[in-house]
Amino acid sequence: MGARAPVEMVTIGKVVRVHGVRGEVKVRSYSDVPRRFEELKLVTVAGPAEGPCLLTVRDSRKAADGYLLAFEGIGSPEAAASLVGSLLQIPQERLAPLPDGRYYECDLQGMEVWTDDGTALGVIVDVLTTKSNAIFVVRGSRDVEHLIPGAKEIIREVDVAGRRMIVRRVEGLLSDESHDAL
Protein backbone atom coordinates (compact mmCIF):
# COMPACT_ATOMS: atom_id res chain seq x y z
CA MET A 1 0.00 0.00 0.00
CA GLY A 2 1.32 3.43 -0.96
CA ALA A 3 1.44 6.46 1.28
CA ARG A 4 -1.39 8.95 0.98
CA ALA A 5 -0.58 12.41 -0.29
CA PRO A 6 -0.86 15.09 2.38
CA VAL A 7 -4.15 16.97 2.30
CA GLU A 8 -3.74 20.66 1.48
CA MET A 9 -5.64 22.74 4.04
CA VAL A 10 -7.07 26.22 3.46
CA THR A 11 -7.74 28.71 6.26
CA ILE A 12 -11.30 30.05 6.18
CA GLY A 13 -11.38 31.95 9.48
CA LYS A 14 -9.84 32.68 12.85
CA VAL A 15 -11.26 32.35 16.38
CA VAL A 16 -10.96 35.83 17.90
CA ARG A 17 -12.72 35.53 21.26
CA VAL A 18 -15.11 33.63 23.51
CA HIS A 19 -18.78 34.57 23.30
CA GLY A 20 -21.27 33.99 26.10
CA VAL A 21 -21.41 31.25 28.73
CA ARG A 22 -22.17 28.16 26.58
CA GLY A 23 -18.79 27.74 24.89
CA GLU A 24 -19.44 29.70 21.70
CA VAL A 25 -16.62 31.51 19.93
CA LYS A 26 -16.52 34.56 17.70
CA VAL A 27 -14.91 33.88 14.32
CA ARG A 28 -13.47 36.37 11.83
CA SER A 29 -14.18 35.02 8.35
CA TYR A 30 -11.43 34.87 5.72
CA SER A 31 -13.95 33.55 3.19
CA ASP A 32 -16.27 35.42 0.87
CA VAL A 33 -18.22 32.28 -0.06
CA PRO A 34 -21.88 32.84 0.86
CA ARG A 35 -23.14 30.60 3.68
CA ARG A 36 -19.65 29.09 4.21
CA PHE A 37 -20.04 28.99 8.00
CA GLU A 38 -23.78 28.34 8.16
CA GLU A 39 -23.27 25.09 6.21
CA LEU A 40 -20.04 24.04 7.93
CA LYS A 41 -20.27 20.62 9.61
CA LEU A 42 -16.63 19.64 10.24
CA VAL A 43 -13.61 21.93 10.54
CA THR A 44 -9.97 21.50 11.42
CA VAL A 45 -8.94 23.81 14.25
CA ALA A 46 -5.22 24.60 14.24
CA GLY A 47 -4.29 26.25 17.51
CA PRO A 48 -1.32 28.50 18.18
CA ALA A 49 -0.01 26.12 20.86
CA GLU A 50 -1.50 22.76 19.83
CA GLY A 51 -1.59 20.75 16.66
CA PRO A 52 -4.68 20.59 14.45
CA CYS A 53 -7.79 18.71 15.56
CA LEU A 54 -11.05 17.99 13.79
CA LEU A 55 -14.18 19.43 15.44
CA THR A 56 -17.88 19.03 14.67
CA VAL A 57 -19.80 22.29 14.36
CA ARG A 58 -22.88 22.12 16.59
CA ASP A 59 -24.26 25.57 15.71
CA SER A 60 -23.30 28.51 13.53
CA ARG A 61 -24.89 31.89 13.00
CA LYS A 62 -24.00 35.22 11.45
CA ALA A 63 -22.93 37.97 13.84
CA ALA A 64 -22.35 41.68 13.24
CA ASP A 65 -18.75 41.34 12.09
CA GLY A 66 -18.19 37.62 11.76
CA TYR A 67 -19.81 34.40 12.96
CA LEU A 68 -20.62 32.70 16.23
CA LEU A 69 -19.76 29.00 16.29
CA ALA A 70 -20.38 26.27 18.83
CA PHE A 71 -18.55 22.94 18.69
CA GLU A 72 -19.43 19.48 20.01
CA GLY A 73 -17.55 18.89 23.28
CA ILE A 74 -16.93 22.62 23.93
CA GLY A 75 -19.60 23.70 26.40
CA SER A 76 -18.02 26.29 28.66
CA PRO A 77 -16.22 29.61 28.27
CA GLU A 78 -13.10 28.00 29.77
CA ALA A 79 -13.04 25.25 27.15
CA ALA A 80 -13.78 27.77 24.38
CA ALA A 81 -10.91 30.00 25.57
CA SER A 82 -8.43 27.32 24.46
CA LEU A 83 -9.58 27.92 20.86
CA VAL A 84 -8.89 31.68 20.81
CA GLY A 85 -6.24 32.47 18.20
CA SER A 86 -6.85 29.19 16.35
CA LEU A 87 -7.28 29.04 12.59
CA LEU A 88 -10.28 27.24 11.08
CA GLN A 89 -9.29 25.15 8.08
CA ILE A 90 -10.93 22.90 5.51
CA PRO A 91 -9.41 20.60 2.88
CA GLN A 92 -8.68 22.45 -0.36
CA GLU A 93 -10.89 20.08 -2.35
CA ARG A 94 -13.92 21.33 -0.37
CA LEU A 95 -13.49 24.87 -1.69
CA ALA A 96 -16.37 26.11 -3.80
CA PRO A 97 -15.59 26.82 -7.46
CA LEU A 98 -15.09 30.50 -8.20
CA PRO A 99 -16.26 32.49 -11.21
CA ASP A 100 -13.73 33.33 -13.93
CA GLY A 101 -11.25 35.98 -12.87
CA ARG A 102 -11.49 35.08 -9.16
CA TYR A 103 -8.86 33.02 -7.33
CA TYR A 104 -8.28 31.64 -3.89
CA GLU A 105 -5.31 33.13 -2.07
CA CYS A 106 -3.84 29.64 -1.65
CA ASP A 107 -3.77 29.32 -5.46
CA LEU A 108 -1.72 32.52 -5.74
CA GLN A 109 0.82 31.98 -2.95
CA GLY A 110 4.22 31.12 -4.44
CA MET A 111 3.11 31.94 -7.99
CA GLU A 112 5.78 33.43 -10.27
CA VAL A 113 5.10 36.98 -11.46
CA TRP A 114 6.38 38.33 -14.78
CA THR A 115 5.83 41.60 -16.61
CA ASP A 116 4.24 41.56 -20.05
CA ASP A 117 7.65 42.43 -21.53
CA GLY A 118 9.21 39.24 -20.09
CA THR A 119 10.87 40.50 -16.91
CA ALA A 120 10.76 38.16 -13.89
CA LEU A 121 9.63 40.05 -10.77
CA GLY A 122 9.61 37.21 -8.24
CA VAL A 123 6.96 35.17 -6.45
CA ILE A 124 3.82 36.12 -4.55
CA VAL A 125 4.60 35.86 -0.83
CA ASP A 126 1.49 37.56 0.57
CA VAL A 127 -1.88 38.95 -0.47
CA LEU A 128 -3.09 42.11 1.27
CA THR A 129 -6.79 42.90 1.19
CA THR A 130 -8.09 46.43 0.68
CA LYS A 131 -11.59 47.76 0.06
CA SER A 132 -10.94 48.27 -3.65
CA ASN A 133 -8.78 45.27 -4.60
CA ALA A 134 -6.08 42.87 -3.44
CA ILE A 135 -2.43 43.88 -3.32
CA PHE A 136 0.05 41.15 -4.24
CA VAL A 137 3.34 41.27 -2.33
CA VAL A 138 5.93 39.96 -4.79
CA ARG A 139 9.43 39.16 -3.56
CA GLY A 140 12.22 39.04 -6.10
CA SER A 141 15.91 38.29 -5.90
CA ARG A 142 17.87 40.07 -3.17
CA ASP A 143 14.56 40.37 -1.25
CA VAL A 144 13.31 43.26 -3.41
CA GLU A 145 9.56 43.57 -2.82
CA HIS A 146 6.96 44.92 -5.22
CA LEU A 147 3.37 45.76 -4.31
CA ILE A 148 1.22 44.90 -7.32
CA PRO A 149 -2.45 45.98 -7.28
CA GLY A 150 -4.86 43.22 -8.26
CA ALA A 151 -6.68 45.54 -10.66
CA LYS A 152 -7.89 44.47 -14.12
CA GLU A 153 -5.76 47.23 -15.64
CA ILE A 154 -2.58 45.68 -14.16
CA ILE A 155 -3.15 41.91 -14.11
CA ARG A 156 -2.95 40.60 -17.67
CA GLU A 157 -3.09 36.85 -17.09
CA VAL A 158 -3.31 34.38 -14.22
CA ASP A 159 -2.39 30.78 -15.03
CA VAL A 160 -3.16 28.84 -11.84
CA ALA A 161 -2.14 25.46 -13.32
CA GLY A 162 1.11 26.90 -14.70
CA ARG A 163 1.74 28.88 -11.45
CA ARG A 164 2.38 32.11 -13.37
CA MET A 165 0.94 35.65 -13.35
CA ILE A 166 1.61 38.26 -16.04
CA VAL A 167 1.32 41.95 -15.07
CA ARG A 168 1.40 45.07 -17.19
CA ARG A 169 4.48 47.20 -16.64
CA VAL A 170 3.25 50.64 -15.56
CA GLU A 171 5.48 53.67 -15.03
CA GLY A 172 6.21 54.04 -11.31
CA LEU A 173 4.69 50.69 -10.30
CA LEU A 174 7.97 48.86 -9.76
CA SER A 175 10.82 50.08 -7.60
CA ASP A 176 13.79 51.53 -9.52
CA GLU A 177 16.14 48.96 -8.02
CA SER A 178 14.05 46.10 -9.43
CA HIS A 179 15.83 46.27 -12.80
CA ASP A 180 19.20 45.63 -11.13
CA ALA A 181 17.84 42.87 -8.89
CA LEU A 182 16.44 40.74 -11.70
C-alpha atoms as a PDB file:
ATOM      1  CA  MET A   1       0.000   0.000   0.000  1.00  0.00           C
ATOM      2  CA  GLY A   2       1.318   3.431  -0.960  1.00  0.00           C
ATOM      3  CA  ALA A   3       1.436   6.464   1.277  1.00  0.00           C
ATOM      4  CA  ARG A   4      -1.388   8.953   0.983  1.00  0.00           C
ATOM      5  CA  ALA A   5      -0.577  12.413  -0.291  1.00  0.00           C
ATOM      6  CA  PRO A   6      -0.863  15.090   2.377  1.00  0.00           C
ATOM      7  CA  VAL A   7      -4.146  16.974   2.304  1.00  0.00           C
ATOM      8  CA  GLU A   8      -3.744  20.663   1.477  1.00  0.00           C
ATOM      9  CA  MET A   9      -5.639  22.744   4.040  1.00  0.00           C
ATOM     10  CA  VAL A  10      -7.068  26.218   3.461  1.00  0.00           C
ATOM     11  CA  THR A  11      -7.744  28.715   6.258  1.00  0.00           C
ATOM     12  CA  ILE A  12     -11.303  30.053   6.181  1.00  0.00           C
ATOM     13  CA  GLY A  13     -11.378  31.946   9.476  1.00  0.00           C
ATOM     14  CA  LYS A  14      -9.844  32.685  12.853  1.00  0.00           C
ATOM     15  CA  VAL A  15     -11.255  32.352  16.380  1.00  0.00           C
ATOM     16  CA  VAL A  16     -10.955  35.826  17.900  1.00  0.00           C
ATOM     17  CA  ARG A  17     -12.717  35.526  21.265  1.00  0.00           C
ATOM     18  CA  VAL A  18     -15.109  33.629  23.513  1.00  0.00           C
ATOM     19  CA  HIS A  19     -18.783  34.565  23.300  1.00  0.00           C
ATOM     20  CA  GLY A  20     -21.273  33.987  26.103  1.00  0.00           C
ATOM     21  CA  VAL A  21     -21.410  31.251  28.726  1.00  0.00           C
ATOM     22  CA  ARG A  22     -22.171  28.163  26.580  1.00  0.00           C
ATOM     23  CA  GLY A  23     -18.788  27.741  24.893  1.00  0.00           C
ATOM     24  CA  GLU A  24     -19.439  29.698  21.700  1.00  0.00           C
ATOM     25  CA  VAL A  25     -16.619  31.510  19.934  1.00  0.00           C
ATOM     26  CA  LYS A  26     -16.523  34.565  17.704  1.00  0.00           C
ATOM     27  CA  VAL A  27     -14.911  33.877  14.323  1.00  0.00           C
ATOM     28  CA  ARG A  28     -13.475  36.366  11.827  1.00  0.00           C
ATOM     29  CA  SER A  29     -14.179  35.021   8.350  1.00  0.00           C
ATOM     30  CA  TYR A  30     -11.433  34.866   5.724  1.00  0.00           C
ATOM     31  CA  SER A  31     -13.945  33.551   3.189  1.00  0.00           C
ATOM     32  CA  ASP A  32     -16.272  35.421   0.874  1.00  0.00           C
ATOM     33  CA  VAL A  33     -18.217  32.281  -0.057  1.00  0.00           C
ATOM     34  CA  PRO A  34     -21.885  32.841   0.856  1.00  0.00           C
ATOM     35  CA  ARG A  35     -23.139  30.602   3.679  1.00  0.00           C
ATOM     36  CA  ARG A  36     -19.648  29.095   4.213  1.00  0.00           C
ATOM     37  CA  PHE A  37     -20.037  28.990   7.995  1.00  0.00           C
ATOM     38  CA  GLU A  38     -23.778  28.345   8.156  1.00  0.00           C
ATOM     39  CA  GLU A  39     -23.272  25.090   6.205  1.00  0.00           C
ATOM     40  CA  LEU A  40     -20.035  24.044   7.928  1.00  0.00           C
ATOM     41  CA  LYS A  41     -20.270  20.623   9.611  1.00  0.00           C
ATOM     42  CA  LEU A  42     -16.631  19.643  10.239  1.00  0.00           C
ATOM     43  CA  VAL A  43     -13.615  21.928  10.539  1.00  0.00           C
ATOM     44  CA  THR A  44      -9.973  21.500  11.422  1.00  0.00           C
ATOM     45  CA  VAL A  45      -8.939  23.805  14.254  1.00  0.00           C
ATOM     46  CA  ALA A  46      -5.224  24.597  14.238  1.00  0.00           C
ATOM     47  CA  GLY A  47      -4.287  26.245  17.508  1.00  0.00           C
ATOM     48  CA  PRO A  48      -1.318  28.495  18.180  1.00  0.00           C
ATOM     49  CA  ALA A  49      -0.012  26.123  20.862  1.00  0.00           C
ATOM     50  CA  GLU A  50      -1.502  22.764  19.833  1.00  0.00           C
ATOM     51  CA  GLY A  51      -1.586  20.749  16.659  1.00  0.00           C
ATOM     52  CA  PRO A  52      -4.682  20.594  14.452  1.00  0.00           C
ATOM     53  CA  CYS A  53      -7.792  18.709  15.561  1.00  0.00           C
ATOM     54  CA  LEU A  54     -11.054  17.987  13.788  1.00  0.00           C
ATOM     55  CA  LEU A  55     -14.183  19.432  15.441  1.00  0.00           C
ATOM     56  CA  THR A  56     -17.879  19.028  14.674  1.00  0.00           C
ATOM     57  CA  VAL A  57     -19.798  22.291  14.359  1.00  0.00           C
ATOM     58  CA  ARG A  58     -22.880  22.124  16.589  1.00  0.00           C
ATOM     59  CA  ASP A  59     -24.259  25.565  15.715  1.00  0.00           C
ATOM     60  CA  SER A  60     -23.303  28.515  13.534  1.00  0.00           C
ATOM     61  CA  ARG A  61     -24.892  31.887  12.998  1.00  0.00           C
ATOM     62  CA  LYS A  62     -23.999  35.223  11.455  1.00  0.00           C
ATOM     63  CA  ALA A  63     -22.931  37.970  13.841  1.00  0.00           C
ATOM     64  CA  ALA A  64     -22.352  41.685  13.241  1.00  0.00           C
ATOM     65  CA  ASP A  65     -18.746  41.344  12.092  1.00  0.00           C
ATOM     66  CA  GLY A  66     -18.190  37.617  11.757  1.00  0.00           C
ATOM     67  CA  TYR A  67     -19.808  34.399  12.958  1.00  0.00           C
ATOM     68  CA  LEU A  68     -20.617  32.695  16.230  1.00  0.00           C
ATOM     69  CA  LEU A  69     -19.756  28.999  16.286  1.00  0.00           C
ATOM     70  CA  ALA A  70     -20.377  26.269  18.835  1.00  0.00           C
ATOM     71  CA  PHE A  71     -18.545  22.936  18.691  1.00  0.00           C
ATOM     72  CA  GLU A  72     -19.429  19.483  20.014  1.00  0.00           C
ATOM     73  CA  GLY A  73     -17.553  18.894  23.284  1.00  0.00           C
ATOM     74  CA  ILE A  74     -16.928  22.617  23.926  1.00  0.00           C
ATOM     75  CA  GLY A  75     -19.600  23.695  26.401  1.00  0.00           C
ATOM     76  CA  SER A  76     -18.017  26.295  28.655  1.00  0.00           C
ATOM     77  CA  PRO A  77     -16.217  29.611  28.273  1.00  0.00           C
ATOM     78  CA  GLU A  78     -13.104  28.004  29.771  1.00  0.00           C
ATOM     79  CA  ALA A  79     -13.045  25.249  27.147  1.00  0.00           C
ATOM     80  CA  ALA A  80     -13.779  27.775  24.378  1.00  0.00           C
ATOM     81  CA  ALA A  81     -10.906  29.996  25.571  1.00  0.00           C
ATOM     82  CA  SER A  82      -8.434  27.320  24.465  1.00  0.00           C
ATOM     83  CA  LEU A  83      -9.575  27.921  20.861  1.00  0.00           C
ATOM     84  CA  VAL A  84      -8.885  31.683  20.807  1.00  0.00           C
ATOM     85  CA  GLY A  85      -6.243  32.467  18.205  1.00  0.00           C
ATOM     86  CA  SER A  86      -6.847  29.193  16.347  1.00  0.00           C
ATOM     87  CA  LEU A  87      -7.280  29.037  12.586  1.00  0.00           C
ATOM     88  CA  LEU A  88     -10.277  27.244  11.079  1.00  0.00           C
ATOM     89  CA  GLN A  89      -9.293  25.149   8.080  1.00  0.00           C
ATOM     90  CA  ILE A  90     -10.930  22.897   5.507  1.00  0.00           C
ATOM     91  CA  PRO A  91      -9.409  20.602   2.878  1.00  0.00           C
ATOM     92  CA  GLN A  92      -8.676  22.455  -0.357  1.00  0.00           C
ATOM     93  CA  GLU A  93     -10.889  20.085  -2.354  1.00  0.00           C
ATOM     94  CA  ARG A  94     -13.918  21.332  -0.367  1.00  0.00           C
ATOM     95  CA  LEU A  95     -13.494  24.872  -1.691  1.00  0.00           C
ATOM     96  CA  ALA A  96     -16.370  26.112  -3.803  1.00  0.00           C
ATOM     97  CA  PRO A  97     -15.592  26.818  -7.458  1.00  0.00           C
ATOM     98  CA  LEU A  98     -15.088  30.504  -8.199  1.00  0.00           C
ATOM     99  CA  PRO A  99     -16.257  32.493 -11.206  1.00  0.00           C
ATOM    100  CA  ASP A 100     -13.731  33.334 -13.933  1.00  0.00           C
ATOM    101  CA  GLY A 101     -11.255  35.983 -12.875  1.00  0.00           C
ATOM    102  CA  ARG A 102     -11.486  35.081  -9.158  1.00  0.00           C
ATOM    103  CA  TYR A 103      -8.857  33.021  -7.331  1.00  0.00           C
ATOM    104  CA  TYR A 104      -8.277  31.644  -3.892  1.00  0.00           C
ATOM    105  CA  GLU A 105      -5.306  33.130  -2.068  1.00  0.00           C
ATOM    106  CA  CYS A 106      -3.839  29.636  -1.647  1.00  0.00           C
ATOM    107  CA  ASP A 107      -3.768  29.322  -5.457  1.00  0.00           C
ATOM    108  CA  LEU A 108      -1.716  32.518  -5.740  1.00  0.00           C
ATOM    109  CA  GLN A 109       0.823  31.978  -2.951  1.00  0.00           C
ATOM    110  CA  GLY A 110       4.217  31.115  -4.439  1.00  0.00           C
ATOM    111  CA  MET A 111       3.107  31.938  -7.988  1.00  0.00           C
ATOM    112  CA  GLU A 112       5.780  33.425 -10.275  1.00  0.00           C
ATOM    113  CA  VAL A 113       5.098  36.981 -11.460  1.00  0.00           C
ATOM    114  CA  TRP A 114       6.378  38.334 -14.777  1.00  0.00           C
ATOM    115  CA  THR A 115       5.833  41.600 -16.611  1.00  0.00           C
ATOM    116  CA  ASP A 116       4.238  41.559 -20.048  1.00  0.00           C
ATOM    117  CA  ASP A 117       7.650  42.425 -21.532  1.00  0.00           C
ATOM    118  CA  GLY A 118       9.208  39.239 -20.090  1.00  0.00           C
ATOM    119  CA  THR A 119      10.870  40.504 -16.907  1.00  0.00           C
ATOM    120  CA  ALA A 120      10.759  38.160 -13.893  1.00  0.00           C
ATOM    121  CA  LEU A 121       9.629  40.051 -10.772  1.00  0.00           C
ATOM    122  CA  GLY A 122       9.609  37.212  -8.235  1.00  0.00           C
ATOM    123  CA  VAL A 123       6.963  35.171  -6.447  1.00  0.00           C
ATOM    124  CA  ILE A 124       3.821  36.124  -4.548  1.00  0.00           C
ATOM    125  CA  VAL A 125       4.595  35.855  -0.826  1.00  0.00           C
ATOM    126  CA  ASP A 126       1.495  37.559   0.570  1.00  0.00           C
ATOM    127  CA  VAL A 127      -1.876  38.949  -0.473  1.00  0.00           C
ATOM    128  CA  LEU A 128      -3.094  42.107   1.270  1.00  0.00           C
ATOM    129  CA  THR A 129      -6.790  42.902   1.189  1.00  0.00           C
ATOM    130  CA  THR A 130      -8.089  46.434   0.679  1.00  0.00           C
ATOM    131  CA  LYS A 131     -11.593  47.759   0.058  1.00  0.00           C
ATOM    132  CA  SER A 132     -10.938  48.270  -3.649  1.00  0.00           C
ATOM    133  CA  ASN A 133      -8.781  45.272  -4.598  1.00  0.00           C
ATOM    134  CA  ALA A 134      -6.082  42.869  -3.444  1.00  0.00           C
ATOM    135  CA  ILE A 135      -2.428  43.884  -3.321  1.00  0.00           C
ATOM    136  CA  PHE A 136       0.052  41.151  -4.239  1.00  0.00           C
ATOM    137  CA  VAL A 137       3.339  41.269  -2.330  1.00  0.00           C
ATOM    138  CA  VAL A 138       5.928  39.957  -4.789  1.00  0.00           C
ATOM    139  CA  ARG A 139       9.427  39.162  -3.557  1.00  0.00           C
ATOM    140  CA  GLY A 140      12.220  39.041  -6.102  1.00  0.00           C
ATOM    141  CA  SER A 141      15.912  38.289  -5.902  1.00  0.00           C
ATOM    142  CA  ARG A 142      17.871  40.065  -3.173  1.00  0.00           C
ATOM    143  CA  ASP A 143      14.564  40.374  -1.246  1.00  0.00           C
ATOM    144  CA  VAL A 144      13.309  43.264  -3.412  1.00  0.00           C
ATOM    145  CA  GLU A 145       9.558  43.569  -2.822  1.00  0.00           C
ATOM    146  CA  HIS A 146       6.959  44.923  -5.216  1.00  0.00           C
ATOM    147  CA  LEU A 147       3.371  45.758  -4.310  1.00  0.00           C
ATOM    148  CA  ILE A 148       1.219  44.899  -7.319  1.00  0.00           C
ATOM    149  CA  PRO A 149      -2.446  45.984  -7.279  1.00  0.00           C
ATOM    150  CA  GLY A 150      -4.860  43.222  -8.260  1.00  0.00           C
ATOM    151  CA  ALA A 151      -6.684  45.538 -10.663  1.00  0.00           C
ATOM    152  CA  LYS A 152      -7.891  44.465 -14.123  1.00  0.00           C
ATOM    153  CA  GLU A 153      -5.760  47.225 -15.643  1.00  0.00           C
ATOM    154  CA  ILE A 154      -2.583  45.683 -14.165  1.00  0.00           C
ATOM    155  CA  ILE A 155      -3.154  41.909 -14.113  1.00  0.00           C
ATOM    156  CA  ARG A 156      -2.948  40.600 -17.673  1.00  0.00           C
ATOM    157  CA  GLU A 157      -3.091  36.846 -17.085  1.00  0.00           C
ATOM    158  CA  VAL A 158      -3.307  34.377 -14.219  1.00  0.00           C
ATOM    159  CA  ASP A 159      -2.393  30.784 -15.026  1.00  0.00           C
ATOM    160  CA  VAL A 160      -3.156  28.835 -11.838  1.00  0.00           C
ATOM    161  CA  ALA A 161      -2.142  25.461 -13.319  1.00  0.00           C
ATOM    162  CA  GLY A 162       1.114  26.902 -14.697  1.00  0.00           C
ATOM    163  CA  ARG A 163       1.743  28.880 -11.448  1.00  0.00           C
ATOM    164  CA  ARG A 164       2.377  32.112 -13.372  1.00  0.00           C
ATOM    165  CA  MET A 165       0.945  35.651 -13.349  1.00  0.00           C
ATOM    166  CA  ILE A 166       1.612  38.264 -16.039  1.00  0.00           C
ATOM    167  CA  VAL A 167       1.318  41.947 -15.070  1.00  0.00           C
ATOM    168  CA  ARG A 168       1.395  45.075 -17.185  1.00  0.00           C
ATOM    169  CA  ARG A 169       4.481  47.199 -16.639  1.00  0.00           C
ATOM    170  CA  VAL A 170       3.247  50.635 -15.560  1.00  0.00           C
ATOM    171  CA  GLU A 171       5.480  53.669 -15.032  1.00  0.00           C
ATOM    172  CA  GLY A 172       6.213  54.038 -11.305  1.00  0.00           C
ATOM    173  CA  LEU A 173       4.685  50.695 -10.305  1.00  0.00           C
ATOM    174  CA  LEU A 174       7.968  48.856  -9.758  1.00  0.00           C
ATOM    175  CA  SER A 175      10.816  50.081  -7.603  1.00  0.00           C
ATOM    176  CA  ASP A 176      13.791  51.532  -9.523  1.00  0.00           C
ATOM    177  CA  GLU A 177      16.140  48.964  -8.017  1.00  0.00           C
ATOM    178  CA  SER A 178      14.054  46.096  -9.428  1.00  0.00           C
ATOM    179  CA  HIS A 179      15.828  46.268 -12.801  1.00  0.00           C
ATOM    180  CA  ASP A 180      19.196  45.634 -11.126  1.00  0.00           C
ATOM    181  CA  ALA A 181      17.837  42.874  -8.891  1.00  0.00           C
ATOM    182  CA  LEU A 182      16.445  40.741 -11.697  1.00  0.00           C
END
